[in-house]
């Protein structure tokens, strides 16, 4: 089965060999306070920063999931209130989760085919953290780059960004935000079970002001350990090892993102030309990494069923679009040959 599910998604084929290498290397049984582990952690962090072009003064941590990042941000960076700007299910879930920890969380929702209006955001209200979703996995939208720079130019508040379905597949404007995070089961092409968190000096300063040390995963406690190339709790050593190996073989992000963007351009041309209706119509806010197609429930069910019979797994719709859309992952681990197979399938059934 060739999967185009947008997470967990296809892993790089090299993972099979890397798993064997990890077993034979003994790294799976190494103490996480040992020199061997610390060297592996150091090397992986350096590879991630180099391949993704992360600024030298930003720090990289590995945690269990993007959901844990929500918790770390709420506990360690938000004093009383946060502003969550969203247009899909995952941005809304982030708001709801944060509100359980910090009841002052507020939301600002906007439509599928638009970017949020900077003038309407009320960023002068003094929110501790502004939370945005770079690439909304649930509906295949993305914030335009200009929005990030405009937002940054208007505020010195901490900006946190969910880049779960774009980090390692798109060029990110790192300096326009203070916290970026992503799970590895999407554009990183890895098995689920770990997330990458990228933190600016300003976010670290904010964490020092909040001074939260009540939790095992507080940002300060996490940082103190990572500065020693250790972790605050027993880590996913295999995930760290696999991430390091993947970062060794992938091209620099400028090359990866260019290829992903060209593939997306081709998808957005191919689908309407063959009778498929895009969920997001405006190219300026269409995701490069998750393409969403809408249709009535019966047609969506039929297409997904026929795809499975052909050995192709399409992504289900999500949230309010669950029954009336399907999603196509356009992640780096998916090959041109596999994309051609899916396109041939969609072309064929569009003519039936």
Protein backbone atom coordinates (compact mmCIF):
# COMPACT_ATOMS: atom_id res chain seq x y z
CA UNK A 1 0.00 0.00 0.00
CA UNK A 2 1.39 3.40 -1.02
CA UNK A 3 0.21 5.94 1.52
CA UNK A 4 -0.57 9.58 0.87
CA UNK A 5 -2.04 9.97 4.33
CA UNK A 6 -0.90 13.31 5.82
CA UNK A 7 0.46 11.85 9.03
CA UNK A 8 1.54 9.43 10.10
CA UNK A 9 2.70 9.28 6.54
CA UNK A 10 5.23 7.45 4.43
CA UNK A 11 8.66 7.07 5.99
CA UNK A 12 11.86 7.30 3.99
CA UNK A 13 12.78 3.84 2.60
CA UNK A 14 16.22 4.18 4.20
CA UNK A 15 14.52 3.79 7.59
CA UNK A 16 14.60 0.01 7.16
CA UNK A 17 18.40 0.00 7.07
CA UNK A 18 18.67 2.65 9.79
CA UNK A 19 16.60 0.48 12.12
CA UNK A 20 18.96 -2.43 11.58
CA UNK A 21 21.96 -0.14 12.09
CA UNK A 22 20.48 1.18 15.33
CA UNK A 23 20.00 -2.34 16.67
CA UNK A 24 23.50 -3.47 15.79
CA UNK A 25 25.13 -0.26 17.04
CA UNK A 26 23.84 -0.83 20.57
CA UNK A 27 22.41 2.69 20.76
CA UNK A 28 19.01 1.31 21.77
CA UNK A 29 20.47 0.10 25.07
CA UNK A 30 22.71 3.06 25.86
CA UNK A 31 22.13 5.07 29.02
CA UNK A 32 20.82 8.53 28.16
CA UNK A 33 23.36 10.16 30.51
CA UNK A 34 26.26 8.44 28.77
CA UNK A 35 28.86 10.05 26.52
CA UNK A 36 27.66 7.93 23.59
CA UNK A 37 24.10 9.22 23.87
CA UNK A 38 25.17 12.81 24.42
CA UNK A 39 27.32 12.71 21.30
CA UNK A 40 24.42 11.31 19.28
CA UNK A 41 22.11 14.04 20.59
CA UNK A 42 24.65 16.76 19.82
CA UNK A 43 25.21 15.46 16.31
CA UNK A 44 21.50 15.20 15.57
CA UNK A 45 20.79 18.72 16.79
CA UNK A 46 23.61 20.11 14.67
CA UNK A 47 22.37 18.22 11.60
CA UNK A 48 18.81 19.48 12.07
CA UNK A 49 20.00 23.07 12.40
CA UNK A 50 22.28 22.79 9.39
CA UNK A 51 19.83 21.10 7.00
CA UNK A 52 16.85 23.27 7.99
CA UNK A 53 18.91 26.48 8.09
CA UNK A 54 17.89 27.29 11.67
CA UNK A 55 19.54 30.45 13.07
CA UNK A 56 22.62 29.78 15.19
CA UNK A 57 21.16 31.44 18.28
CA UNK A 58 17.94 29.38 18.19
CA UNK A 59 17.97 26.19 20.26
CA UNK A 60 16.55 22.79 19.27
CA UNK A 61 14.90 20.35 21.67
CA UNK A 62 13.23 16.99 21.11
CA UNK A 63 10.02 16.19 22.97
CA UNK A 64 7.34 13.53 22.71
CA UNK A 65 4.80 15.20 20.41
CA UNK A 66 3.35 18.42 19.09
CA UNK A 67 0.68 18.07 21.78
CA UNK A 68 3.40 18.22 24.42
CA UNK A 69 4.61 21.43 22.79
CA UNK A 70 1.15 22.93 23.43
CA UNK A 71 1.59 22.08 27.09
CA UNK A 72 5.15 23.41 27.33
CA UNK A 73 4.12 26.71 25.73
CA UNK A 74 1.09 27.09 28.00
CA UNK A 75 2.98 26.31 31.20
CA UNK A 76 6.29 27.99 30.50
CA UNK A 77 5.56 31.00 28.27
CA UNK A 78 2.00 32.15 29.00
CA UNK A 79 1.48 34.14 32.16
CA UNK A 80 -2.25 34.73 31.83
CA UNK A 81 -3.41 35.05 28.23
CA UNK A 82 -2.68 33.98 24.66
CA UNK A 83 -4.16 34.80 21.26
CA UNK A 84 -4.76 31.86 18.92
CA UNK A 85 -5.21 32.68 15.23
CA UNK A 86 -6.66 29.72 13.31
CA UNK A 87 -8.86 28.50 10.48
CA UNK A 88 -8.82 24.74 11.04
CA UNK A 89 -9.17 21.91 13.49
CA UNK A 90 -5.61 21.77 14.80
CA UNK A 91 -5.33 25.49 15.45
CA UNK A 92 -8.65 25.30 17.29
CA UNK A 93 -7.54 22.25 19.28
CA UNK A 94 -4.42 24.18 20.35
CA UNK A 95 -6.68 26.96 21.65
CA UNK A 96 -8.93 24.51 23.51
CA UNK A 97 -5.99 22.66 25.06
CA UNK A 98 -4.31 25.88 26.18
CA UNK A 99 -7.55 27.18 27.73
CA UNK A 100 -7.59 24.16 30.07
CA UNK A 101 -4.23 25.28 31.48
CA UNK A 102 -4.49 29.05 31.01
CA UNK A 103 -8.17 30.14 30.94
CA UNK A 104 -7.21 33.52 29.46
CA UNK A 105 -6.64 31.96 26.03
CA UNK A 106 -8.59 33.74 23.28
CA UNK A 107 -9.25 32.80 19.67
CA UNK A 108 -9.45 34.61 16.35
CA UNK A 109 -10.80 32.51 13.47
CA UNK A 110 -10.62 33.32 9.77
CA UNK A 111 -11.82 31.74 6.54
CA UNK A 112 -10.31 29.09 4.31
CA UNK A 113 -9.56 31.30 1.34
CA UNK A 114 -8.08 34.26 3.16
CA UNK A 115 -5.18 35.28 5.33
CA UNK A 116 -6.01 36.76 8.74
CA UNK A 117 -6.42 40.53 8.71
CA UNK A 118 -3.61 42.06 10.79
CA UNK A 119 -5.81 45.09 11.53
CA UNK A 120 -8.47 42.92 13.21
CA UNK A 121 -6.19 40.88 15.48
CA UNK A 122 -6.17 43.19 18.51
CA UNK A 123 -2.54 42.34 19.19
CA UNK A 124 -2.33 45.44 21.37
CA UNK A 125 -4.31 43.69 24.10
CA UNK A 126 -1.14 42.43 25.75
CA UNK A 127 -1.40 38.70 25.13
CA UNK A 128 1.70 36.90 26.41
CA UNK A 129 1.95 34.64 23.36
CA UNK A 130 0.45 34.80 19.86
CA UNK A 131 -0.17 31.29 18.52
CA UNK A 132 -0.46 30.65 14.78
CA UNK A 133 -0.53 27.63 12.51
CA UNK A 134 1.90 27.84 9.60
CA UNK A 135 0.33 24.95 7.74
CA UNK A 136 -3.12 23.67 8.75
CA UNK A 137 -3.07 19.92 8.23
CA UNK A 138 -6.84 19.54 8.56
CA UNK A 139 -7.78 21.59 5.50
CA UNK A 140 -4.66 22.17 3.38
CA UNK A 141 -4.20 25.87 4.03
CA UNK A 142 -1.00 27.78 4.75
CA UNK A 143 -0.22 31.28 5.97
CA UNK A 144 1.56 33.40 3.34
CA UNK A 145 5.11 34.43 4.20
CA UNK A 146 4.13 38.08 4.21
CA UNK A 147 1.78 37.48 7.13
CA UNK A 148 4.64 36.25 9.32
CA UNK A 149 6.84 39.24 8.61
CA UNK A 150 3.93 41.68 9.01
CA UNK A 151 2.99 40.17 12.36
CA UNK A 152 6.58 40.24 13.56
CA UNK A 153 6.96 43.89 12.58
CA UNK A 154 3.92 44.85 14.66
CA UNK A 155 4.74 43.16 17.95
CA UNK A 156 7.53 42.11 20.28
CA UNK A 157 5.28 39.55 21.92
CA UNK A 158 6.29 35.92 21.79
CA UNK A 159 5.02 34.24 18.62
CA UNK A 160 4.61 30.45 18.62
CA UNK A 161 4.04 28.51 15.41
CA UNK A 162 2.64 25.06 14.71
CA UNK A 163 4.64 23.87 11.70
CA UNK A 164 3.74 20.21 12.11
CA UNK A 165 3.00 19.51 8.45
CA UNK A 166 5.54 21.89 6.92
CA UNK A 167 8.79 21.77 8.92
CA UNK A 168 11.39 19.89 6.85
CA UNK A 169 9.26 20.43 3.74
CA UNK A 170 9.13 24.21 3.49
CA UNK A 171 11.46 27.14 4.08
CA UNK A 172 10.38 28.65 7.38
CA UNK A 173 10.91 32.32 8.34
CA UNK A 174 12.52 31.37 11.65
CA UNK A 175 13.30 34.92 12.78
CA UNK A 176 9.65 35.95 12.41
CA UNK A 177 8.66 33.79 15.40
CA UNK A 178 10.07 32.58 18.69
CA UNK A 179 8.83 28.99 18.99
CA UNK A 180 8.39 26.56 16.12
CA UNK A 181 7.39 22.94 16.58
CA UNK A 182 6.55 19.89 14.49
CA UNK A 183 5.95 16.19 14.90
CA UNK A 184 8.30 14.02 12.86
CA UNK A 185 5.72 11.75 11.19
CA UNK A 186 5.05 14.13 8.33
CA UNK A 187 7.70 16.03 6.34
CA UNK A 188 10.56 14.49 8.33
CA UNK A 189 9.58 11.07 6.93
CA UNK A 190 9.94 9.29 10.29
CA UNK A 191 7.78 7.04 12.46
CA UNK A 192 5.58 8.87 14.96
CA UNK A 193 6.67 9.39 18.55
CA UNK A 194 8.75 12.56 18.68
CA UNK A 195 8.58 16.29 17.97
CA UNK A 196 11.14 18.96 17.17
CA UNK A 197 10.90 22.24 19.08
CA UNK A 198 12.88 25.29 17.95
CA UNK A 199 13.20 28.15 20.45
CA UNK A 200 14.55 31.71 20.16
CA UNK A 201 16.55 33.68 22.74
CA UNK A 202 13.45 35.84 23.32
CA UNK A 203 11.37 32.77 24.19
CA UNK A 204 14.04 31.62 26.62
CA UNK A 205 14.03 35.06 28.25
CA UNK A 206 10.25 34.88 28.52
CA UNK A 207 10.47 31.44 30.14
CA UNK A 208 12.89 32.87 32.69
CA UNK A 209 10.37 35.60 33.51
CA UNK A 210 7.51 33.13 33.95
CA UNK A 211 9.94 30.93 35.94
CA UNK A 212 7.84 27.78 35.69
CA UNK A 213 9.63 24.79 37.19
CA UNK A 214 6.61 22.89 38.44
CA UNK A 215 6.53 20.29 35.68
CA UNK A 216 8.92 17.68 34.35
CA UNK A 217 8.65 19.21 30.88
CA UNK A 218 9.00 22.88 31.79
CA UNK A 219 10.91 24.78 29.13
CA UNK A 220 13.63 25.79 31.58
CA UNK A 221 14.19 22.23 32.82
CA UNK A 222 14.17 20.94 29.25
CA UNK A 223 16.70 23.60 28.23
CA UNK A 224 19.01 22.93 31.16
CA UNK A 225 19.27 19.30 30.11
CA UNK A 226 19.68 19.96 26.39
CA UNK A 227 22.49 22.42 27.03
CA UNK A 228 24.35 19.40 28.43
CA UNK A 229 23.13 17.26 25.48
CA UNK A 230 20.90 15.35 27.86
CA UNK A 231 17.13 15.13 28.23
CA UNK A 232 14.80 15.82 31.17
CA UNK A 233 13.31 12.33 30.95
CA UNK A 234 14.21 9.02 29.34
CA UNK A 235 14.10 9.94 25.65
CA UNK A 236 13.05 8.30 22.43
CA UNK A 237 16.64 7.34 21.63
CA UNK A 238 15.61 5.48 18.49
CA UNK A 239 13.70 8.51 17.21
CA UNK A 240 16.68 10.77 17.81
CA UNK A 241 18.99 8.31 16.08
CA UNK A 242 16.68 7.98 13.06
CA UNK A 243 16.25 11.74 12.81
CA UNK A 244 20.01 12.18 12.76
CA UNK A 245 20.42 9.61 10.01
CA UNK A 246 17.63 11.14 7.91
CA UNK A 247 19.17 14.59 8.26
CA UNK A 248 22.45 13.18 6.95
CA UNK A 249 20.93 12.02 3.67
CA UNK A 250 18.33 14.69 2.85
CA UNK A 251 19.20 17.73 0.77
CA UNK A 252 19.33 21.22 2.31
CA UNK A 253 15.88 22.66 2.92
CA UNK A 254 16.16 25.17 0.08
CA UNK A 255 16.38 22.25 -2.37
CA UNK A 256 13.71 20.14 -0.67
CA UNK A 257 11.26 23.05 -0.47
CA UNK A 258 11.79 23.94 -4.12
CA UNK A 259 10.89 20.41 -5.20
CA UNK A 260 7.86 20.27 -2.90
CA UNK A 261 6.64 23.63 -4.20
CA UNK A 262 6.93 22.48 -7.82
CA UNK A 263 5.04 19.27 -7.03
CA UNK A 264 2.30 21.30 -5.35
CA UNK A 265 2.04 23.59 -8.37
CA UNK A 266 1.54 20.54 -10.56
CA UNK A 267 -1.10 19.08 -8.19
CA UNK A 268 -3.06 22.33 -8.13
CA UNK A 269 -3.07 22.39 -11.92
CA UNK A 270 -3.81 18.69 -12.42
CA UNK A 271 -6.78 18.34 -10.05
CA UNK A 272 -9.11 21.05 -11.48
CA UNK A 273 -8.15 20.08 -15.02
CA UNK A 274 -9.48 16.61 -14.30
CA UNK A 275 -12.73 17.56 -12.63
CA UNK A 276 -11.68 17.64 -8.97
CA UNK A 277 -12.75 20.55 -6.79
CA UNK A 278 -10.13 21.97 -4.48
CA UNK A 279 -11.14 22.73 -0.89
CA UNK A 280 -8.89 25.81 -0.97
CA UNK A 281 -9.12 27.92 -4.12
CA UNK A 282 -6.71 30.80 -3.55
CA UNK A 283 -3.12 29.83 -4.40
CA UNK A 284 -1.72 32.36 -1.94
CA UNK A 285 -3.11 30.34 0.99
CA UNK A 286 -2.87 26.82 -0.44
CA UNK A 287 -0.52 24.46 1.36
CA UNK A 288 2.41 23.00 -0.55
CA UNK A 289 2.51 19.91 1.65
CA UNK A 290 -1.17 18.96 2.15
CA UNK A 291 -3.59 19.16 -0.78
CA UNK A 292 -7.31 18.93 0.06
CA UNK A 293 -10.01 17.90 -2.44
CA UNK A 294 -13.73 18.31 -1.74
CA UNK A 295 -16.76 16.47 -3.08
CA UNK A 296 -20.04 15.08 -1.80
CA UNK A 297 -19.84 12.29 0.76
CA UNK A 298 -20.70 9.51 -1.67
CA UNK A 299 -18.05 10.54 -4.18
CA UNK A 300 -15.36 10.91 -1.51
CA UNK A 301 -16.20 7.45 -0.13
CA UNK A 302 -16.09 5.90 -3.61
CA UNK A 303 -12.75 7.50 -4.54
CA UNK A 304 -11.08 6.42 -1.30
CA UNK A 305 -12.43 2.89 -1.63
CA UNK A 306 -11.28 2.54 -5.24
CA UNK A 307 -7.90 3.96 -4.29
CA UNK A 308 -7.44 1.31 -1.58
CA UNK A 309 -8.28 -1.38 -4.12
CA UNK A 310 -5.56 0.07 -6.34
CA UNK A 311 -3.03 -0.04 -3.47
CA UNK A 312 -3.20 3.70 -2.77
CA UNK A 313 -4.22 5.21 0.56
CA UNK A 314 -5.66 8.70 0.49
CA UNK A 315 -6.00 10.79 3.62
CA UNK A 316 -9.42 11.17 5.18
CA UNK A 317 -10.92 14.59 5.57
CA UNK A 318 -10.65 16.09 9.04
CA UNK A 319 -12.90 18.03 11.38
CA UNK A 320 -15.86 19.70 9.66
CA UNK A 321 -14.53 18.45 6.30
CA UNK A 322 -14.20 14.81 7.40
CA UNK A 323 -17.01 13.42 5.24
CA UNK A 324 -16.71 15.77 2.29
CA UNK A 325 -13.01 15.87 1.48
CA UNK A 326 -9.89 13.79 1.13
CA UNK A 327 -6.30 14.91 1.58
CA UNK A 328 -3.14 14.14 -0.36
CA UNK A 329 0.20 14.37 1.42
CA UNK A 330 2.95 16.01 -0.62
CA UNK A 331 5.80 15.17 1.73
CA UNK A 332 9.47 14.73 0.77
CA UNK A 333 9.57 10.96 1.39
CA UNK A 334 6.92 10.40 -1.30
CA UNK A 335 8.54 9.74 -4.67
CA UNK A 336 7.74 11.10 -8.11
CA UNK A 337 6.93 7.55 -9.23
CA UNK A 338 4.36 7.18 -6.46
CA UNK A 339 2.82 10.54 -7.31
CA UNK A 340 2.54 9.45 -10.95
CA UNK A 341 0.68 6.30 -9.90
CA UNK A 342 -1.82 8.35 -7.91
CA UNK A 343 -2.28 10.85 -10.71
CA UNK A 344 -2.87 8.06 -13.23
CA UNK A 345 -5.46 6.57 -10.88
CA UNK A 346 -7.26 9.88 -10.37
CA UNK A 347 -7.15 10.60 -14.11
CA UNK A 348 -8.64 7.20 -14.90
CA UNK A 349 -11.54 7.37 -12.47
CA UNK A 350 -12.31 10.95 -13.49
CA UNK A 351 -13.06 9.54 -16.94
CA UNK A 352 -15.20 6.67 -15.66
